[in-house]
């Protein structure tokens, strides 16, 4: 049976965006501040970075989670233009033992959301101790 959790919220600022765009080396005009584009959005990959941190801060996650081991099915749905507060809606499925039986795989869906709607959705697998 799936478990639904909601992460804490995080405010995304223009400074956050500008720092991540610079650090990531983004040069596309979509992410560049200009007279024609005074408020660019966050790159989708940056939203994934924030999602990972927000998920780690979420109470009631399964005990013993170790690391993210797979991201698939990423869908970018709505631009995230700062200032904006986001959270992650997390759907956790039943764990699956690894072939060795020494660890568990926890399938999850992460949905990054704000008052504007859903910004991205990704299928996640996390490794954990039993």
C-alpha atoms as a PDB file:
ATOM      1  CA  UNK A   1       0.000   0.000   0.000  1.00  0.00           C
ATOM      2  CA  UNK A   2       1.411   3.389  -1.005  1.00  0.00           C
ATOM      3  CA  UNK A   3       2.325   5.999   1.589  1.00  0.00           C
ATOM      4  CA  UNK A   4       1.839   9.719   0.835  1.00  0.00           C
ATOM      5  CA  UNK A   5       4.109  12.324   2.430  1.00  0.00           C
ATOM      6  CA  UNK A   6       4.614  16.030   1.932  1.00  0.00           C
ATOM      7  CA  UNK A   7       7.994  17.689   2.345  1.00  0.00           C
ATOM      8  CA  UNK A   8       8.566  20.996   4.075  1.00  0.00           C
ATOM      9  CA  UNK A   9       8.336  24.067   1.824  1.00  0.00           C
ATOM     10  CA  UNK A  10      11.258  26.031   0.465  1.00  0.00           C
ATOM     11  CA  UNK A  11      11.169  29.531  -0.963  1.00  0.00           C
ATOM     12  CA  UNK A  12      12.987  29.817  -4.282  1.00  0.00           C
ATOM     13  CA  UNK A  13      14.525  33.225  -4.939  1.00  0.00           C
ATOM     14  CA  UNK A  14      15.995  34.970  -7.943  1.00  0.00           C
ATOM     15  CA  UNK A  15      19.370  34.806  -6.160  1.00  0.00           C
ATOM     16  CA  UNK A  16      19.034  30.994  -5.875  1.00  0.00           C
ATOM     17  CA  UNK A  17      18.269  30.797  -9.590  1.00  0.00           C
ATOM     18  CA  UNK A  18      21.109  33.087 -10.604  1.00  0.00           C
ATOM     19  CA  UNK A  19      23.635  31.177  -8.479  1.00  0.00           C
ATOM     20  CA  UNK A  20      22.556  27.792  -9.848  1.00  0.00           C
ATOM     21  CA  UNK A  21      22.464  29.022 -13.449  1.00  0.00           C
ATOM     22  CA  UNK A  22      25.994  30.381 -13.010  1.00  0.00           C
ATOM     23  CA  UNK A  23      27.359  27.329 -11.165  1.00  0.00           C
ATOM     24  CA  UNK A  24      25.744  24.967 -13.671  1.00  0.00           C
ATOM     25  CA  UNK A  25      27.071  26.876 -16.662  1.00  0.00           C
ATOM     26  CA  UNK A  26      23.682  27.437 -18.278  1.00  0.00           C
ATOM     27  CA  UNK A  27      23.956  29.786 -21.251  1.00  0.00           C
ATOM     28  CA  UNK A  28      20.574  29.360 -22.949  1.00  0.00           C
ATOM     29  CA  UNK A  29      18.630  32.610 -23.241  1.00  0.00           C
ATOM     30  CA  UNK A  30      15.677  31.021 -21.413  1.00  0.00           C
ATOM     31  CA  UNK A  31      17.739  31.151 -18.185  1.00  0.00           C
ATOM     32  CA  UNK A  32      19.465  34.505 -18.827  1.00  0.00           C
ATOM     33  CA  UNK A  33      18.199  37.741 -17.314  1.00  0.00           C
ATOM     34  CA  UNK A  34      17.664  40.371 -20.026  1.00  0.00           C
ATOM     35  CA  UNK A  35      15.327  43.228 -20.912  1.00  0.00           C
ATOM     36  CA  UNK A  36      13.208  40.718 -22.855  1.00  0.00           C
ATOM     37  CA  UNK A  37      13.405  38.125 -20.063  1.00  0.00           C
ATOM     38  CA  UNK A  38      13.519  39.949 -16.700  1.00  0.00           C
ATOM     39  CA  UNK A  39      12.438  36.909 -14.639  1.00  0.00           C
ATOM     40  CA  UNK A  40      13.810  33.666 -16.082  1.00  0.00           C
ATOM     41  CA  UNK A  41      12.700  30.301 -14.645  1.00  0.00           C
ATOM     42  CA  UNK A  42      14.783  27.779 -12.753  1.00  0.00           C
ATOM     43  CA  UNK A  43      16.360  25.046 -14.870  1.00  0.00           C
ATOM     44  CA  UNK A  44      14.460  21.814 -14.286  1.00  0.00           C
ATOM     45  CA  UNK A  45      17.612  20.106 -13.045  1.00  0.00           C
ATOM     46  CA  UNK A  46      17.862  22.757 -10.322  1.00  0.00           C
ATOM     47  CA  UNK A  47      14.359  21.836  -9.171  1.00  0.00           C
ATOM     48  CA  UNK A  48      15.537  18.233  -8.844  1.00  0.00           C
ATOM     49  CA  UNK A  49      18.386  19.427  -6.624  1.00  0.00           C
ATOM     50  CA  UNK A  50      15.942  21.207  -4.317  1.00  0.00           C
ATOM     51  CA  UNK A  51      13.578  18.212  -4.399  1.00  0.00           C
ATOM     52  CA  UNK A  52      16.316  15.914  -3.117  1.00  0.00           C
ATOM     53  CA  UNK A  53      17.029  18.191  -0.169  1.00  0.00           C
ATOM     54  CA  UNK A  54      13.366  18.654   0.644  1.00  0.00           C
ATOM     55  CA  UNK A  55      12.746  14.900   0.558  1.00  0.00           C
ATOM     56  CA  UNK A  56      15.646  14.343   2.987  1.00  0.00           C
ATOM     57  CA  UNK A  57      13.975  16.803   5.398  1.00  0.00           C
ATOM     58  CA  UNK A  58      10.586  15.073   5.238  1.00  0.00           C
ATOM     59  CA  UNK A  59       9.366  13.499   8.490  1.00  0.00           C
ATOM     60  CA  UNK A  60       8.166   9.878   8.429  1.00  0.00           C
ATOM     61  CA  UNK A  61      10.363   8.690   5.548  1.00  0.00           C
ATOM     62  CA  UNK A  62      11.190   4.986   5.804  1.00  0.00           C
ATOM     63  CA  UNK A  63      14.018   4.433   8.270  1.00  0.00           C
ATOM     64  CA  UNK A  64      17.367   3.400   6.906  1.00  0.00           C
ATOM     65  CA  UNK A  65      17.331   5.190   3.539  1.00  0.00           C
ATOM     66  CA  UNK A  66      20.881   5.423   2.212  1.00  0.00           C
ATOM     67  CA  UNK A  67      20.967   6.927  -1.267  1.00  0.00           C
ATOM     68  CA  UNK A  68      19.092   7.717  -4.432  1.00  0.00           C
ATOM     69  CA  UNK A  69      19.980   5.021  -6.984  1.00  0.00           C
ATOM     70  CA  UNK A  70      17.725   5.743  -9.969  1.00  0.00           C
ATOM     71  CA  UNK A  71      15.734   8.583 -11.516  1.00  0.00           C
ATOM     72  CA  UNK A  72      13.505   7.810 -14.495  1.00  0.00           C
ATOM     73  CA  UNK A  73      10.452   9.202 -16.190  1.00  0.00           C
ATOM     74  CA  UNK A  74      11.247  12.837 -15.440  1.00  0.00           C
ATOM     75  CA  UNK A  75       8.564  15.138 -16.785  1.00  0.00           C
ATOM     76  CA  UNK A  76       8.953  18.915 -16.616  1.00  0.00           C
ATOM     77  CA  UNK A  77       5.449  20.358 -16.500  1.00  0.00           C
ATOM     78  CA  UNK A  78       5.368  24.022 -15.462  1.00  0.00           C
ATOM     79  CA  UNK A  79       8.073  26.686 -15.334  1.00  0.00           C
ATOM     80  CA  UNK A  80       9.163  27.685 -11.826  1.00  0.00           C
ATOM     81  CA  UNK A  81       9.779  31.425 -11.824  1.00  0.00           C
ATOM     82  CA  UNK A  82      10.951  32.999  -8.559  1.00  0.00           C
ATOM     83  CA  UNK A  83       9.866  34.108  -6.093  1.00  0.00           C
ATOM     84  CA  UNK A  84       8.032  30.870  -5.476  1.00  0.00           C
ATOM     85  CA  UNK A  85       7.630  28.377  -2.611  1.00  0.00           C
ATOM     86  CA  UNK A  86       7.800  24.715  -3.539  1.00  0.00           C
ATOM     87  CA  UNK A  87       7.282  21.408  -1.779  1.00  0.00           C
ATOM     88  CA  UNK A  88       7.542  17.765  -2.821  1.00  0.00           C
ATOM     89  CA  UNK A  89       4.579  15.423  -2.723  1.00  0.00           C
ATOM     90  CA  UNK A  90       6.110  11.977  -2.210  1.00  0.00           C
ATOM     91  CA  UNK A  91       4.367   8.699  -2.991  1.00  0.00           C
ATOM     92  CA  UNK A  92       6.271   5.733  -1.552  1.00  0.00           C
ATOM     93  CA  UNK A  93       5.500   2.211  -2.730  1.00  0.00           C
ATOM     94  CA  UNK A  94       6.291  -1.006  -0.863  1.00  0.00           C
ATOM     95  CA  UNK A  95       9.982  -1.827  -0.646  1.00  0.00           C
ATOM     96  CA  UNK A  96      11.568  -4.558  -2.760  1.00  0.00           C
ATOM     97  CA  UNK A  97      14.525  -6.637  -1.477  1.00  0.00           C
ATOM     98  CA  UNK A  98      17.703  -6.374  -3.536  1.00  0.00           C
ATOM     99  CA  UNK A  99      18.872  -9.623  -5.214  1.00  0.00           C
ATOM    100  CA  UNK A 100      21.346 -10.192  -2.373  1.00  0.00           C
ATOM    101  CA  UNK A 101      18.598  -9.617   0.186  1.00  0.00           C
ATOM    102  CA  UNK A 102      20.846  -7.337   2.244  1.00  0.00           C
ATOM    103  CA  UNK A 103      19.190  -4.043   1.248  1.00  0.00           C
ATOM    104  CA  UNK A 104      15.824  -2.689   0.141  1.00  0.00           C
ATOM    105  CA  UNK A 105      14.800  -0.647  -2.884  1.00  0.00           C
ATOM    106  CA  UNK A 106      12.086   1.922  -2.185  1.00  0.00           C
ATOM    107  CA  UNK A 107      10.209   3.012  -5.347  1.00  0.00           C
ATOM    108  CA  UNK A 108       8.858   6.559  -5.080  1.00  0.00           C
ATOM    109  CA  UNK A 109       7.285   9.285  -7.136  1.00  0.00           C
ATOM    110  CA  UNK A 110       8.400  12.836  -6.434  1.00  0.00           C
ATOM    111  CA  UNK A 111       6.131  15.664  -7.535  1.00  0.00           C
ATOM    112  CA  UNK A 112       7.528  19.193  -7.127  1.00  0.00           C
ATOM    113  CA  UNK A 113       4.587  21.519  -6.579  1.00  0.00           C
ATOM    114  CA  UNK A 114       3.675  25.109  -5.728  1.00  0.00           C
ATOM    115  CA  UNK A 115       0.563  27.249  -5.744  1.00  0.00           C
ATOM    116  CA  UNK A 116       0.978  27.344  -9.548  1.00  0.00           C
ATOM    117  CA  UNK A 117       0.605  23.565  -9.831  1.00  0.00           C
ATOM    118  CA  UNK A 118       2.962  20.703 -10.541  1.00  0.00           C
ATOM    119  CA  UNK A 119       6.379  21.681 -11.902  1.00  0.00           C
ATOM    120  CA  UNK A 120       7.984  18.285 -12.346  1.00  0.00           C
ATOM    121  CA  UNK A 121       7.386  14.620 -11.657  1.00  0.00           C
ATOM    122  CA  UNK A 122      10.024  11.890 -11.424  1.00  0.00           C
ATOM    123  CA  UNK A 123      10.107   8.188 -10.686  1.00  0.00           C
ATOM    124  CA  UNK A 124      12.739   7.524  -8.020  1.00  0.00           C
ATOM    125  CA  UNK A 125      14.354   4.462  -6.471  1.00  0.00           C
ATOM    126  CA  UNK A 126      16.163   4.786  -3.174  1.00  0.00           C
ATOM    127  CA  UNK A 127      18.380   2.232  -1.511  1.00  0.00           C
ATOM    128  CA  UNK A 128      17.826   1.468   2.154  1.00  0.00           C
ATOM    129  CA  UNK A 129      18.719  -0.871   4.954  1.00  0.00           C
ATOM    130  CA  UNK A 130      16.070  -3.376   6.037  1.00  0.00           C
END
